[in-house]
PDB file of N, CA and C in Angstrom:
ATOM      1  N   MET A   1     210.162 -81.930 177.652  1.00  0.00           N
ATOM      2  CA  MET A   1     208.616 -81.277 177.126  1.00  0.00           C
ATOM      3  C   MET A   1     207.831 -82.582 177.966  1.00  0.00           C
ATOM      4  N   PRO A   2     206.987 -82.263 179.162  1.00  0.00           N
ATOM      5  CA  PRO A   2     206.172 -83.125 179.162  1.00  0.00           C
ATOM      6  C   PRO A   2     204.788 -83.024 178.602  1.00  0.00           C
ATOM      7  N   LEU A   3     204.159 -83.914 178.552  1.00  0.00           N
ATOM      8  CA  LEU A   3     203.122 -83.795 177.822  1.00  0.00           C
ATOM      9  C   LEU A   3     201.495 -84.120 178.616  1.00  0.00           C
ATOM     10  N   ILE A   4     200.938 -84.235 178.865  1.00  0.00           N
ATOM     11  CA  ILE A   4     199.950 -84.305 179.768  1.00  0.00           C
ATOM     12  C   ILE A   4     198.352 -84.822 178.725  1.00  0.00           C
ATOM     13  N   ASN A   5     198.090 -85.891 178.668  1.00  0.00           N
ATOM     14  CA  ASN A   5     197.185 -86.676 177.389  1.00  0.00           C
ATOM     15  C   ASN A   5     195.603 -86.492 178.699  1.00  0.00           C
ATOM     16  N   VAL A   6     194.881 -86.096 177.683  1.00  0.00           N
ATOM     17  CA  VAL A   6     193.097 -86.445 178.831  1.00  0.00           C
ATOM     18  C   VAL A   6     192.830 -86.479 177.290  1.00  0.00           C
ATOM     19  N   ASN A   7     191.739 -87.728 177.698  1.00  0.00           N
ATOM     20  CA  ASN A   7     190.839 -88.372 177.113  1.00  0.00           C
ATOM     21  C   ASN A   7     189.490 -88.369 177.771  1.00  0.00           C
ATOM     22  N   HIS A   8     188.609 -87.222 176.793  1.00  0.00           N
ATOM     23  CA  HIS A   8     187.456 -87.164 177.581  1.00  0.00           C
ATOM     24  C   HIS A   8     186.442 -87.177 176.806  1.00  0.00           C
ATOM     25  N   ALA A   9     185.322 -88.345 177.296  1.00  0.00           N
ATOM     26  CA  ALA A   9     184.507 -89.118 177.061  1.00  0.00           C
ATOM     27  C   ALA A   9     182.253 -88.711 176.873  1.00  0.00           C
ATOM     28  N   SER A  10     182.577 -86.977 177.644  1.00  0.00           N
ATOM     29  CA  SER A  10     181.486 -86.475 177.260  1.00  0.00           C
ATOM     30  C   SER A  10     182.092 -85.102 176.438  1.00  0.00           C
ATOM     31  N   SER A  11     180.954 -83.971 176.677  1.00  0.00           N
ATOM     32  CA  SER A  11     181.628 -82.682 175.883  1.00  0.00           C
ATOM     33  C   SER A  11     181.270 -81.583 176.893  1.00  0.00           C
ATOM     34  N   LEU A  12     182.666 -81.154 176.528  1.00  0.00           N
ATOM     35  CA  LEU A  12     183.323 -80.019 177.737  1.00  0.00           C
ATOM     36  C   LEU A  12     183.290 -78.687 176.910  1.00  0.00           C
ATOM     37  N   THR A  13     182.684 -77.178 178.004  1.00  0.00           N
ATOM     38  CA  THR A  13     182.733 -75.991 177.195  1.00  0.00           C
ATOM     39  C   THR A  13     184.199 -75.679 176.583  1.00  0.00           C
ATOM     40  N   THR A  14     184.241 -74.311 175.602  1.00  0.00           N
ATOM     41  CA  THR A  14     185.508 -74.037 176.207  1.00  0.00           C
ATOM     42  C   THR A  14     186.785 -73.842 177.036  1.00  0.00           C
ATOM     43  N   GLU A  15     185.219 -72.902 177.864  1.00  0.00           N
ATOM     44  CA  GLU A  15     186.052 -72.617 179.283  1.00  0.00           C
ATOM     45  C   GLU A  15     186.322 -73.774 180.201  1.00  0.00           C
ATOM     46  N   GLN A  16     185.187 -74.806 180.486  1.00  0.00           N
ATOM     47  CA  GLN A  16     185.713 -75.786 181.028  1.00  0.00           C
ATOM     48  C   GLN A  16     186.947 -76.371 180.091  1.00  0.00           C
ATOM     49  N   ILE A  17     187.877 -77.440 179.556  1.00  0.00           N
ATOM     50  CA  ILE A  17     188.507 -76.902 178.828  1.00  0.00           C
ATOM     51  C   ILE A  17     190.104 -76.236 178.844  1.00  0.00           C
ATOM     52  N   GLU A  18     189.255 -74.569 179.223  1.00  0.00           N
ATOM     53  CA  GLU A  18     190.742 -73.754 179.508  1.00  0.00           C
ATOM     54  C   GLU A  18     190.921 -73.905 180.892  1.00  0.00           C
ATOM     55  N   ALA A  19     189.921 -74.297 181.734  1.00  0.00           N
ATOM     56  CA  ALA A  19     190.252 -74.343 183.109  1.00  0.00           C
ATOM     57  C   ALA A  19     190.599 -75.394 183.417  1.00  0.00           C
ATOM     58  N   LEU A  20     190.172 -77.336 182.948  1.00  0.00           N
ATOM     59  CA  LEU A  20     190.984 -77.795 183.289  1.00  0.00           C
ATOM     60  C   LEU A  20     193.131 -77.815 182.621  1.00  0.00           C
ATOM     61  N   MET A  21     193.133 -77.365 181.348  1.00  0.00           N
ATOM     62  CA  MET A  21     194.297 -76.827 180.597  1.00  0.00           C
ATOM     63  C   MET A  21     195.209 -76.625 181.783  1.00  0.00           C
ATOM     64  N   VAL A  22     194.686 -75.654 182.579  1.00  0.00           N
ATOM     65  CA  VAL A  22     195.326 -74.639 183.710  1.00  0.00           C
ATOM     66  C   VAL A  22     195.708 -75.361 184.352  1.00  0.00           C
ATOM     67  N   GLY A  23     194.736 -75.702 185.045  1.00  0.00           N
ATOM     68  CA  GLY A  23     194.889 -76.383 186.268  1.00  0.00           C
ATOM     69  C   GLY A  23     195.516 -77.496 186.083  1.00  0.00           C
ATOM     70  N   LEU A  24     195.135 -78.221 185.075  1.00  0.00           N
ATOM     71  CA  LEU A  24     196.598 -79.696 185.453  1.00  0.00           C
ATOM     72  C   LEU A  24     198.610 -78.742 185.081  1.00  0.00           C
ATOM     73  N   THR A  25     198.346 -77.609 184.022  1.00  0.00           N
ATOM     74  CA  THR A  25     199.597 -77.211 184.265  1.00  0.00           C
ATOM     75  C   THR A  25     199.782 -76.529 185.359  1.00  0.00           C
ATOM     76  N   ASP A  26     199.018 -75.862 185.940  1.00  0.00           N
ATOM     77  CA  ASP A  26     199.592 -76.191 187.981  1.00  0.00           C
ATOM     78  C   ASP A  26     199.975 -76.725 188.541  1.00  0.00           C
ATOM     79  N   VAL A  27     198.562 -77.843 188.516  1.00  0.00           N
ATOM     80  CA  VAL A  27     199.906 -78.878 189.322  1.00  0.00           C
ATOM     81  C   VAL A  27     200.856 -79.598 189.268  1.00  0.00           C
ATOM     82  N   TYR A  28     201.690 -79.777 187.819  1.00  0.00           N
ATOM     83  CA  TYR A  28     202.301 -80.509 187.223  1.00  0.00           C
ATOM     84  C   TYR A  28     203.581 -80.062 187.767  1.00  0.00           C
ATOM     85  N   THR A  29     203.235 -78.759 187.732  1.00  0.00           N
ATOM     86  CA  THR A  29     204.213 -78.067 187.865  1.00  0.00           C
ATOM     87  C   THR A  29     204.794 -77.161 189.847  1.00  0.00           C
ATOM     88  N   SER A  30     203.675 -77.027 190.083  1.00  0.00           N
ATOM     89  CA  SER A  30     203.618 -77.442 191.744  1.00  0.00           C
ATOM     90  C   SER A  30     204.722 -78.498 192.203  1.00  0.00           C
ATOM     91  N   VAL A  31     204.472 -79.344 191.688  1.00  0.00           N
ATOM     92  CA  VAL A  31     204.825 -81.235 192.305  1.00  0.00           C
ATOM     93  C   VAL A  31     206.091 -81.342 191.590  1.00  0.00           C
ATOM     94  N   THR A  32     206.309 -80.424 190.181  1.00  0.00           N
ATOM     95  CA  THR A  32     208.102 -81.100 189.666  1.00  0.00           C
ATOM     96  C   THR A  32     208.517 -80.069 189.066  1.00  0.00           C
ATOM     97  N   HIS A  33     208.760 -78.230 189.897  1.00  0.00           N
ATOM     98  CA  HIS A  33     209.104 -76.860 189.915  1.00  0.00           C
ATOM     99  C   HIS A  33     209.281 -77.003 188.177  1.00  0.00           C
ATOM    100  N   SER A  34     208.851 -77.246 187.466  1.00  0.00           N
ATOM    101  CA  SER A  34     209.449 -76.724 185.995  1.00  0.00           C
ATOM    102  C   SER A  34     208.080 -75.821 185.289  1.00  0.00           C
ATOM    103  N   ASN A  35     208.954 -75.284 183.943  1.00  0.00           N
ATOM    104  CA  ASN A  35     208.536 -74.348 183.657  1.00  0.00           C
ATOM    105  C   ASN A  35     207.562 -74.542 183.309  1.00  0.00           C
ATOM    106  N   PRO A  36     206.453 -73.409 183.459  1.00  0.00           N
ATOM    107  CA  PRO A  36     205.254 -73.609 182.848  1.00  0.00           C
ATOM    108  C   PRO A  36     204.900 -73.762 181.411  1.00  0.00           C
ATOM    109  N   GLY A  37     205.617 -72.899 180.717  1.00  0.00           N
ATOM    110  CA  GLY A  37     205.557 -72.712 179.084  1.00  0.00           C
ATOM    111  C   GLY A  37     206.285 -74.309 178.649  1.00  0.00           C
ATOM    112  N   ALA A  38     206.439 -74.924 179.082  1.00  0.00           N
ATOM    113  CA  ALA A  38     207.470 -76.123 178.456  1.00  0.00           C
ATOM    114  C   ALA A  38     206.115 -77.490 178.378  1.00  0.00           C
ATOM    115  N   VAL A  39     205.027 -76.942 179.822  1.00  0.00           N
ATOM    116  CA  VAL A  39     204.046 -77.891 180.294  1.00  0.00           C
ATOM    117  C   VAL A  39     203.076 -78.068 178.739  1.00  0.00           C
ATOM    118  N   HIS A  40     203.111 -79.419 177.997  1.00  0.00           N
ATOM    119  CA  HIS A  40     201.994 -79.115 177.163  1.00  0.00           C
ATOM    120  C   HIS A  40     200.892 -79.943 177.836  1.00  0.00           C
ATOM    121  N   VAL A  41     199.450 -79.410 177.393  1.00  0.00           N
ATOM    122  CA  VAL A  41     198.262 -80.503 177.798  1.00  0.00           C
ATOM    123  C   VAL A  41     197.185 -80.540 176.361  1.00  0.00           C
ATOM    124  N   LEU A  42     196.789 -81.905 176.301  1.00  0.00           N
ATOM    125  CA  LEU A  42     196.421 -82.015 175.172  1.00  0.00           C
ATOM    126  C   LEU A  42     195.403 -82.326 175.983  1.00  0.00           C
ATOM    127  N   VAL A  43     193.468 -82.356 175.897  1.00  0.00           N
ATOM    128  CA  VAL A  43     192.723 -82.077 175.532  1.00  0.00           C
ATOM    129  C   VAL A  43     191.809 -83.254 174.486  1.00  0.00           C
ATOM    130  N   GLN A  44     190.639 -84.609 174.544  1.00  0.00           N
ATOM    131  CA  GLN A  44     190.751 -85.446 173.342  1.00  0.00           C
ATOM    132  C   GLN A  44     189.125 -85.328 173.930  1.00  0.00           C
ATOM    133  N   GLN A  45     187.703 -84.988 173.234  1.00  0.00           N
ATOM    134  CA  GLN A  45     186.842 -85.035 173.230  1.00  0.00           C
ATOM    135  C   GLN A  45     186.626 -86.251 172.577  1.00  0.00           C
ATOM    136  N   VAL A  46     186.289 -87.703 172.984  1.00  0.00           N
ATOM    137  CA  VAL A  46     185.298 -89.096 172.211  1.00  0.00           C
ATOM    138  C   VAL A  46     183.986 -88.876 172.588  1.00  0.00           C
ATOM    139  N   PRO A  47     183.327 -89.553 171.289  1.00  0.00           N
ATOM    140  CA  PRO A  47     182.165 -89.557 171.734  1.00  0.00           C
ATOM    141  C   PRO A  47     182.070 -90.566 172.252  1.00  0.00           C
ATOM    142  N   SER A  48     180.842 -90.588 173.384  1.00  0.00           N
ATOM    143  CA  SER A  48     180.395 -91.605 174.250  1.00  0.00           C
ATOM    144  C   SER A  48     180.230 -93.111 173.311  1.00  0.00           C
ATOM    145  N   ASP A  49     180.167 -92.686 172.202  1.00  0.00           N
ATOM    146  CA  ASP A  49     179.719 -94.229 171.269  1.00  0.00           C
ATOM    147  C   ASP A  49     180.491 -94.364 170.548  1.00  0.00           C
ATOM    148  N   ARG A  50     182.135 -94.035 170.971  1.00  0.00           N
ATOM    149  CA  ARG A  50     183.258 -94.445 170.315  1.00  0.00           C
ATOM    150  C   ARG A  50     184.409 -95.152 171.603  1.00  0.00           C
ATOM    151  N   TRP A  51     183.520 -94.988 173.276  1.00  0.00           N
ATOM    152  CA  TRP A  51     184.503 -95.727 174.450  1.00  0.00           C
ATOM    153  C   TRP A  51     183.400 -96.516 174.610  1.00  0.00           C
ATOM    154  N   SER A  52     184.129 -97.803 175.046  1.00  0.00           N
ATOM    155  CA  SER A  52     183.694 -98.732 175.937  1.00  0.00           C
ATOM    156  C   SER A  52     183.865 -99.081 177.520  1.00  0.00           C
ATOM    157  N   VAL A  53     183.336 -99.641 178.233  1.00  0.00           N
ATOM    158  CA  VAL A  53     183.712-100.437 178.981  1.00  0.00           C
ATOM    159  C   VAL A  53     183.539-101.728 179.468  1.00  0.00           C
ATOM    160  N   GLY A  54     183.871-102.443 179.297  1.00  0.00           N
ATOM    161  CA  GLY A  54     183.486-104.267 179.750  1.00  0.00           C
ATOM    162  C   GLY A  54     182.695-104.178 178.215  1.00  0.00           C
ATOM    163  N   GLY A  55     183.084-104.045 177.318  1.00  0.00           N
ATOM    164  CA  GLY A  55     182.645-104.381 175.551  1.00  0.00           C
ATOM    165  C   GLY A  55     181.215-103.025 175.754  1.00  0.00           C
ATOM    166  N   GLU A  56     180.439-102.664 176.196  1.00  0.00           N
ATOM    167  CA  GLU A  56     179.856-101.935 176.081  1.00  0.00           C
ATOM    168  C   GLU A  56     179.917-100.091 175.873  1.00  0.00           C
ATOM    169  N   SER A  57     179.660 -99.274 175.504  1.00  0.00           N
ATOM    170  CA  SER A  57     179.815 -98.300 174.693  1.00  0.00           C
ATOM    171  C   SER A  57     179.151 -96.952 175.721  1.00  0.00           C
ATOM    172  N   LEU A  58     179.653 -96.182 176.201  1.00  0.00           N
ATOM    173  CA  LEU A  58     179.127 -95.601 177.188  1.00  0.00           C
ATOM    174  C   LEU A  58     177.997 -94.901 176.777  1.00  0.00           C
ATOM    175  N   SER A  59     177.233 -94.472 175.510  1.00  0.00           N
ATOM    176  CA  SER A  59     176.071 -93.769 175.257  1.00  0.00           C
ATOM    177  C   SER A  59     174.994 -94.675 175.876  1.00  0.00           C
ATOM    178  N   ARG A  60     175.185 -96.423 175.071  1.00  0.00           N
ATOM    179  CA  ARG A  60     174.181 -97.183 175.674  1.00  0.00           C
ATOM    180  C   ARG A  60     174.475 -97.741 177.074  1.00  0.00           C
ATOM    181  N   ARG A  61     175.631 -97.899 177.615  1.00  0.00           N
ATOM    182  CA  ARG A  61     175.517 -97.795 179.331  1.00  0.00           C
ATOM    183  C   ARG A  61     174.942 -96.735 179.954  1.00  0.00           C
ATOM    184  N   ASN A  62     174.943 -95.112 179.349  1.00  0.00           N
ATOM    185  CA  ASN A  62     174.411 -94.102 180.266  1.00  0.00           C
ATOM    186  C   ASN A  62     172.327 -94.088 179.776  1.00  0.00           C
ATOM    187  N   SER A  63     172.490 -94.619 178.412  1.00  0.00           N
ATOM    188  CA  SER A  63     170.840 -94.259 178.245  1.00  0.00           C
ATOM    189  C   SER A  63     170.322 -95.555 179.231  1.00  0.00           C
ATOM    190  N   GLN A  64     170.286 -96.622 179.919  1.00  0.00           N
ATOM    191  CA  GLN A  64     170.269 -97.629 180.436  1.00  0.00           C
ATOM    192  C   GLN A  64     169.397 -96.935 180.982  1.00  0.00           C
ATOM    193  N   PRO A  65     168.019 -97.853 182.078  1.00  0.00           N
ATOM    194  CA  PRO A  65     168.045 -96.752 183.073  1.00  0.00           C
ATOM    195  C   PRO A  65     168.658 -97.329 184.607  1.00  0.00           C
ATOM    196  N   ALA A  66     168.996 -96.502 185.833  1.00  0.00           N
ATOM    197  CA  ALA A  66     169.398 -97.404 186.643  1.00  0.00           C
ATOM    198  C   ALA A  66     168.967 -97.668 187.722  1.00  0.00           C
TER     199      ALA A  66
END
């Protein structure tokens, strides 16, 4: 039972999550020739204030001028 685990830092709509899960399953099964019914996909949305890069949260990083 393969498990594809996706952690995403910004909000996705239900439709986007569904499309992501279908697309990941399609790619995985086309490469591995496995049964789509055996592929598990987990999408977790993480608040940007709980995800950091280089010690700085994404919410702080995204609020700074470019």
